Amino acid sequence: MKYIFIVIGFVLLGFVNSSAPNVGEVAPEITLTSPDGKEIKLSDLKGKVVLIDFWASWCRPCRGENPNVVEAYNKYHKSKFTTGKGFEVFSVSLDKQKSPWIKAIEKDGLIWKSHGWDNEYKAAQAYQVNSIPMTFLIDGNGKIVAKGNAIRGMGLHVALDAMLVK
């Protein structure tokens, strides 16, 4: 049997994990290294609505989505949600080299503080990320409320608007 893979606009990473987190489940912990060498953890953002954003500096669709994520961050950062106060982004870079990742953060104006380097793909494996960009929206209780293409572009804004305190 022959398999043909056609890759357009995203990168296949080839991870297989039968225990990928789903909507309604608690998001697995992520512990990574920040650009300045400090440890950052997803759990440090507990109580906030968080977008986990798997990306890389070399990924054109990821870089194309960055302006939308920056816009959402600026719009919702101080908002009150039904399950949390404030919106944060937890960026997970799959870059193999540190320098291009740091340059992309600066060039794209990614102003949030939670940038982590997953050059060993441990977080990507835990979340069964097999292509990027890949995103997960986490509520203030740490549960996944949306993931994937549904929260790209305006879908992210729609999902965040639905979570706002009315």
C-alpha atoms as a PDB file:
ATOM      1  CA  MET A   1       0.000   0.000   0.000  1.00  0.00           C
ATOM      2  CA  LYS A   2       1.371   3.426  -0.939  1.00  0.00           C
ATOM      3  CA  TYR A   3       0.723   6.627   0.995  1.00  0.00           C
ATOM      4  CA  ILE A   4       1.082  10.054  -0.506  1.00  0.00           C
ATOM      5  CA  PHE A   5       1.271  13.088   1.765  1.00  0.00           C
ATOM      6  CA  ILE A   6       0.576  16.478   0.279  1.00  0.00           C
ATOM      7  CA  VAL A   7       1.702  19.348   2.467  1.00  0.00           C
ATOM      8  CA  ILE A   8       0.360  22.799   1.661  1.00  0.00           C
ATOM      9  CA  GLY A   9       0.627  25.720   4.063  1.00  0.00           C
ATOM     10  CA  PHE A  10       1.658  23.806   7.162  1.00  0.00           C
ATOM     11  CA  VAL A  11       4.332  21.481   8.377  1.00  0.00           C
ATOM     12  CA  LEU A  12       3.804  17.884   9.423  1.00  0.00           C
ATOM     13  CA  LEU A  13       5.870  17.025  12.458  1.00  0.00           C
ATOM     14  CA  GLY A  14       4.959  13.347  12.665  1.00  0.00           C
ATOM     15  CA  PHE A  15       4.071  12.934  16.333  1.00  0.00           C
ATOM     16  CA  VAL A  16       1.697  10.181  17.410  1.00  0.00           C
ATOM     17  CA  ASN A  17       0.153  10.176  20.850  1.00  0.00           C
ATOM     18  CA  SER A  18      -3.091   8.404  21.631  1.00  0.00           C
ATOM     19  CA  SER A  19      -3.766  10.604  24.645  1.00  0.00           C
ATOM     20  CA  ALA A  20      -4.121  14.012  22.978  1.00  0.00           C
ATOM     21  CA  PRO A  21      -6.041  16.480  25.140  1.00  0.00           C
ATOM     22  CA  ASN A  22      -9.575  17.240  23.993  1.00  0.00           C
ATOM     23  CA  VAL A  23     -12.053  20.030  24.575  1.00  0.00           C
ATOM     24  CA  GLY A  24     -13.428  19.706  28.114  1.00  0.00           C
ATOM     25  CA  GLU A  25     -10.264  18.139  29.517  1.00  0.00           C
ATOM     26  CA  VAL A  26      -7.697  19.786  31.755  1.00  0.00           C
ATOM     27  CA  ALA A  27      -4.746  21.082  29.754  1.00  0.00           C
ATOM     28  CA  PRO A  28      -1.530  19.167  30.449  1.00  0.00           C
ATOM     29  CA  GLU A  29       1.200  21.117  32.206  1.00  0.00           C
ATOM     30  CA  ILE A  30       3.873  22.662  30.030  1.00  0.00           C
ATOM     31  CA  THR A  31       7.283  23.632  31.421  1.00  0.00           C
ATOM     32  CA  LEU A  32       9.697  25.314  29.013  1.00  0.00           C
ATOM     33  CA  THR A  33      12.638  27.689  28.872  1.00  0.00           C
ATOM     34  CA  SER A  34      12.039  31.379  28.108  1.00  0.00           C
ATOM     35  CA  PRO A  35      14.280  33.446  25.786  1.00  0.00           C
ATOM     36  CA  ASP A  36      16.242  34.652  28.824  1.00  0.00           C
ATOM     37  CA  GLY A  37      16.794  31.103  30.100  1.00  0.00           C
ATOM     38  CA  LYS A  38      14.172  31.109  32.871  1.00  0.00           C
ATOM     39  CA  GLU A  39      11.666  28.327  33.432  1.00  0.00           C
ATOM     40  CA  ILE A  40       8.053  29.135  32.531  1.00  0.00           C
ATOM     41  CA  LYS A  41       5.020  26.988  33.304  1.00  0.00           C
ATOM     42  CA  LEU A  42       1.509  26.996  31.934  1.00  0.00           C
ATOM     43  CA  SER A  43       0.209  26.614  35.501  1.00  0.00           C
ATOM     44  CA  ASP A  44       1.705  30.030  36.366  1.00  0.00           C
ATOM     45  CA  LEU A  45      -1.176  31.515  34.336  1.00  0.00           C
ATOM     46  CA  LYS A  46      -3.939  29.707  36.255  1.00  0.00           C
ATOM     47  CA  GLY A  47      -7.003  31.878  36.735  1.00  0.00           C
ATOM     48  CA  LYS A  48      -6.564  33.523  33.325  1.00  0.00           C
ATOM     49  CA  VAL A  49      -7.895  32.596  29.922  1.00  0.00           C
ATOM     50  CA  VAL A  50      -4.868  31.364  27.961  1.00  0.00           C
ATOM     51  CA  LEU A  51      -4.156  30.737  24.310  1.00  0.00           C
ATOM     52  CA  ILE A  52      -1.471  28.079  23.920  1.00  0.00           C
ATOM     53  CA  ASP A  53       0.082  28.822  20.537  1.00  0.00           C
ATOM     54  CA  PHE A  54       2.389  26.230  18.958  1.00  0.00           C
ATOM     55  CA  TRP A  55       4.424  27.924  16.230  1.00  0.00           C
ATOM     56  CA  ALA A  56       7.913  28.432  14.752  1.00  0.00           C
ATOM     57  CA  SER A  57       9.789  31.313  13.165  1.00  0.00           C
ATOM     58  CA  TRP A  58      10.091  29.430   9.857  1.00  0.00           C
ATOM     59  CA  CYS A  59       6.342  28.653   9.624  1.00  0.00           C
ATOM     60  CA  ARG A  60       4.686  31.118   7.217  1.00  0.00           C
ATOM     61  CA  PRO A  61       1.087  30.403   8.345  1.00  0.00           C
ATOM     62  CA  CYS A  62       2.200  30.865  11.972  1.00  0.00           C
ATOM     63  CA  ARG A  63       3.820  34.192  11.210  1.00  0.00           C
ATOM     64  CA  GLY A  64       0.734  35.197   9.242  1.00  0.00           C
ATOM     65  CA  GLU A  65      -1.479  34.501  12.269  1.00  0.00           C
ATOM     66  CA  ASN A  66       0.754  36.443  14.688  1.00  0.00           C
ATOM     67  CA  PRO A  67      -0.821  39.884  13.952  1.00  0.00           C
ATOM     68  CA  ASN A  68      -4.247  38.445  14.846  1.00  0.00           C
ATOM     69  CA  VAL A  69      -2.928  37.004  18.113  1.00  0.00           C
ATOM     70  CA  VAL A  70      -1.301  40.348  18.977  1.00  0.00           C
ATOM     71  CA  GLU A  71      -4.605  42.110  18.252  1.00  0.00           C
ATOM     72  CA  ALA A  72      -6.511  39.667  20.469  1.00  0.00           C
ATOM     73  CA  TYR A  73      -3.948  40.050  23.247  1.00  0.00           C
ATOM     74  CA  ASN A  74      -4.235  43.846  23.158  1.00  0.00           C
ATOM     75  CA  LYS A  75      -8.044  43.702  23.078  1.00  0.00           C
ATOM     76  CA  TYR A  76      -8.651  41.080  25.803  1.00  0.00           C
ATOM     77  CA  HIS A  77      -5.566  41.201  28.044  1.00  0.00           C
ATOM     78  CA  LYS A  78      -7.364  43.012  30.877  1.00  0.00           C
ATOM     79  CA  SER A  79     -10.854  41.606  30.259  1.00  0.00           C
ATOM     80  CA  LYS A  80     -13.004  39.760  32.765  1.00  0.00           C
ATOM     81  CA  PHE A  81     -14.189  36.335  31.691  1.00  0.00           C
ATOM     82  CA  THR A  82     -16.737  33.981  33.224  1.00  0.00           C
ATOM     83  CA  THR A  83     -13.932  31.627  34.278  1.00  0.00           C
ATOM     84  CA  GLY A  84     -11.003  33.954  34.691  1.00  0.00           C
ATOM     85  CA  LYS A  85      -9.571  37.427  34.819  1.00  0.00           C
ATOM     86  CA  GLY A  86      -7.335  38.493  31.957  1.00  0.00           C
ATOM     87  CA  PHE A  87      -6.161  36.911  28.728  1.00  0.00           C
ATOM     88  CA  GLU A  88      -2.631  35.637  28.184  1.00  0.00           C
ATOM     89  CA  VAL A  89      -0.764  33.904  25.386  1.00  0.00           C
ATOM     90  CA  PHE A  90       1.587  31.016  26.104  1.00  0.00           C
ATOM     91  CA  SER A  91       3.723  30.743  22.970  1.00  0.00           C
ATOM     92  CA  VAL A  92       5.417  27.414  22.345  1.00  0.00           C
ATOM     93  CA  SER A  93       8.188  27.638  19.750  1.00  0.00           C
ATOM     94  CA  LEU A  94       9.207  24.520  17.851  1.00  0.00           C
ATOM     95  CA  ASP A  95      12.306  26.189  16.450  1.00  0.00           C
ATOM     96  CA  LYS A  96      15.480  24.113  16.567  1.00  0.00           C
ATOM     97  CA  GLN A  97      17.678  27.200  16.919  1.00  0.00           C
ATOM     98  CA  LYS A  98      17.212  29.924  19.497  1.00  0.00           C
ATOM     99  CA  SER A  99      18.299  32.973  17.488  1.00  0.00           C
ATOM    100  CA  PRO A 100      15.598  32.890  14.751  1.00  0.00           C
ATOM    101  CA  TRP A 101      12.927  32.343  17.423  1.00  0.00           C
ATOM    102  CA  ILE A 102      14.005  35.403  19.425  1.00  0.00           C
ATOM    103  CA  LYS A 103      14.259  37.530  16.262  1.00  0.00           C
ATOM    104  CA  ALA A 104      10.718  36.487  15.242  1.00  0.00           C
ATOM    105  CA  ILE A 105       9.321  37.436  18.668  1.00  0.00           C
ATOM    106  CA  GLU A 106      10.809  40.909  18.268  1.00  0.00           C
ATOM    107  CA  LYS A 107       9.938  41.364  14.582  1.00  0.00           C
ATOM    108  CA  ASP A 108       6.312  40.245  15.022  1.00  0.00           C
ATOM    109  CA  GLY A 109       5.817  42.319  18.191  1.00  0.00           C
ATOM    110  CA  LEU A 110       4.814  39.391  20.408  1.00  0.00           C
ATOM    111  CA  ILE A 111       4.564  41.495  23.565  1.00  0.00           C
ATOM    112  CA  TRP A 112       3.320  38.901  26.066  1.00  0.00           C
ATOM    113  CA  LYS A 113       5.782  37.427  28.546  1.00  0.00           C
ATOM    114  CA  SER A 114       5.149  33.691  28.217  1.00  0.00           C
ATOM    115  CA  HIS A 115       7.405  32.510  25.400  1.00  0.00           C
ATOM    116  CA  GLY A 116       8.752  28.986  25.695  1.00  0.00           C
ATOM    117  CA  TRP A 117      11.196  27.002  23.604  1.00  0.00           C
ATOM    118  CA  ASP A 118      10.122  23.408  22.867  1.00  0.00           C
ATOM    119  CA  ASN A 119      13.153  22.389  20.797  1.00  0.00           C
ATOM    120  CA  GLU A 120      12.844  18.818  22.096  1.00  0.00           C
ATOM    121  CA  TYR A 121       9.101  18.712  21.191  1.00  0.00           C
ATOM    122  CA  LYS A 122       8.001  17.471  24.625  1.00  0.00           C
ATOM    123  CA  ALA A 123       5.048  19.875  24.843  1.00  0.00           C
ATOM    124  CA  ALA A 124       4.176  19.201  21.202  1.00  0.00           C
ATOM    125  CA  GLN A 125       4.093  15.477  21.938  1.00  0.00           C
ATOM    126  CA  ALA A 126       1.938  15.957  25.054  1.00  0.00           C
ATOM    127  CA  TYR A 127      -0.583  17.942  22.997  1.00  0.00           C
ATOM    128  CA  GLN A 128      -0.269  15.643  19.955  1.00  0.00           C
ATOM    129  CA  VAL A 129       0.661  18.561  17.727  1.00  0.00           C
ATOM    130  CA  ASN A 130       1.292  17.164  14.255  1.00  0.00           C
ATOM    131  CA  SER A 131       1.176  20.433  12.323  1.00  0.00           C
ATOM    132  CA  ILE A 132       1.609  24.108  13.066  1.00  0.00           C
ATOM    133  CA  PRO A 133       0.172  26.544  13.732  1.00  0.00           C
ATOM    134  CA  MET A 134      -1.836  24.748  16.415  1.00  0.00           C
ATOM    135  CA  THR A 135      -3.670  26.493  19.206  1.00  0.00           C
ATOM    136  CA  PHE A 136      -5.572  25.546  22.346  1.00  0.00           C
ATOM    137  CA  LEU A 137      -7.805  27.950  24.288  1.00  0.00           C
ATOM    138  CA  ILE A 138      -7.798  27.281  28.032  1.00  0.00           C
ATOM    139  CA  ASP A 139     -10.293  28.745  30.510  1.00  0.00           C
ATOM    140  CA  GLY A 140      -9.380  30.100  33.935  1.00  0.00           C
ATOM    141  CA  ASN A 141      -9.923  26.657  35.464  1.00  0.00           C
ATOM    142  CA  GLY A 142      -7.319  25.110  33.167  1.00  0.00           C
ATOM    143  CA  LYS A 143      -9.786  23.304  30.893  1.00  0.00           C
ATOM    144  CA  ILE A 144      -9.527  23.281  27.119  1.00  0.00           C
ATOM    145  CA  VAL A 145     -12.523  25.114  25.650  1.00  0.00           C
ATOM    146  CA  ALA A 146     -11.482  25.182  21.976  1.00  0.00           C
ATOM    147  CA  LYS A 147      -8.616  24.084  19.764  1.00  0.00           C
ATOM    148  CA  GLY A 148      -7.306  24.105  16.229  1.00  0.00           C
ATOM    149  CA  ASN A 149      -8.607  26.081  13.284  1.00  0.00           C
ATOM    150  CA  ALA A 150     -11.763  27.112  15.147  1.00  0.00           C
ATOM    151  CA  ILE A 151      -9.704  29.652  17.089  1.00  0.00           C
ATOM    152  CA  ARG A 152      -7.633  31.100  14.264  1.00  0.00           C
ATOM    153  CA  GLY A 153      -8.386  34.477  12.729  1.00  0.00           C
ATOM    154  CA  MET A 154     -11.691  35.949  13.831  1.00  0.00           C
ATOM    155  CA  GLY A 155     -12.606  32.622  15.434  1.00  0.00           C
ATOM    156  CA  LEU A 156     -10.312  33.518  18.335  1.00  0.00           C
ATOM    157  CA  HIS A 157     -12.127  36.808  18.861  1.00  0.00           C
ATOM    158  CA  VAL A 158     -15.527  35.097  18.657  1.00  0.00           C
ATOM    159  CA  ALA A 159     -14.477  32.482  21.236  1.00  0.00           C
ATOM    160  CA  LEU A 160     -13.095  35.126  23.608  1.00  0.00           C
ATOM    161  CA  ASP A 161     -16.182  37.337  23.214  1.00  0.00           C
ATOM    162  CA  ALA A 162     -18.368  34.354  24.156  1.00  0.00           C
ATOM    163  CA  MET A 163     -16.384  33.917  27.394  1.00  0.00           C
ATOM    164  CA  LEU A 164     -16.608  37.555  28.521  1.00  0.00           C
ATOM    165  CA  VAL A 165     -18.604  38.503  31.600  1.00  0.00           C
ATOM    166  CA  LYS A 166     -21.770  40.112  30.261  1.00  0.00           C
END
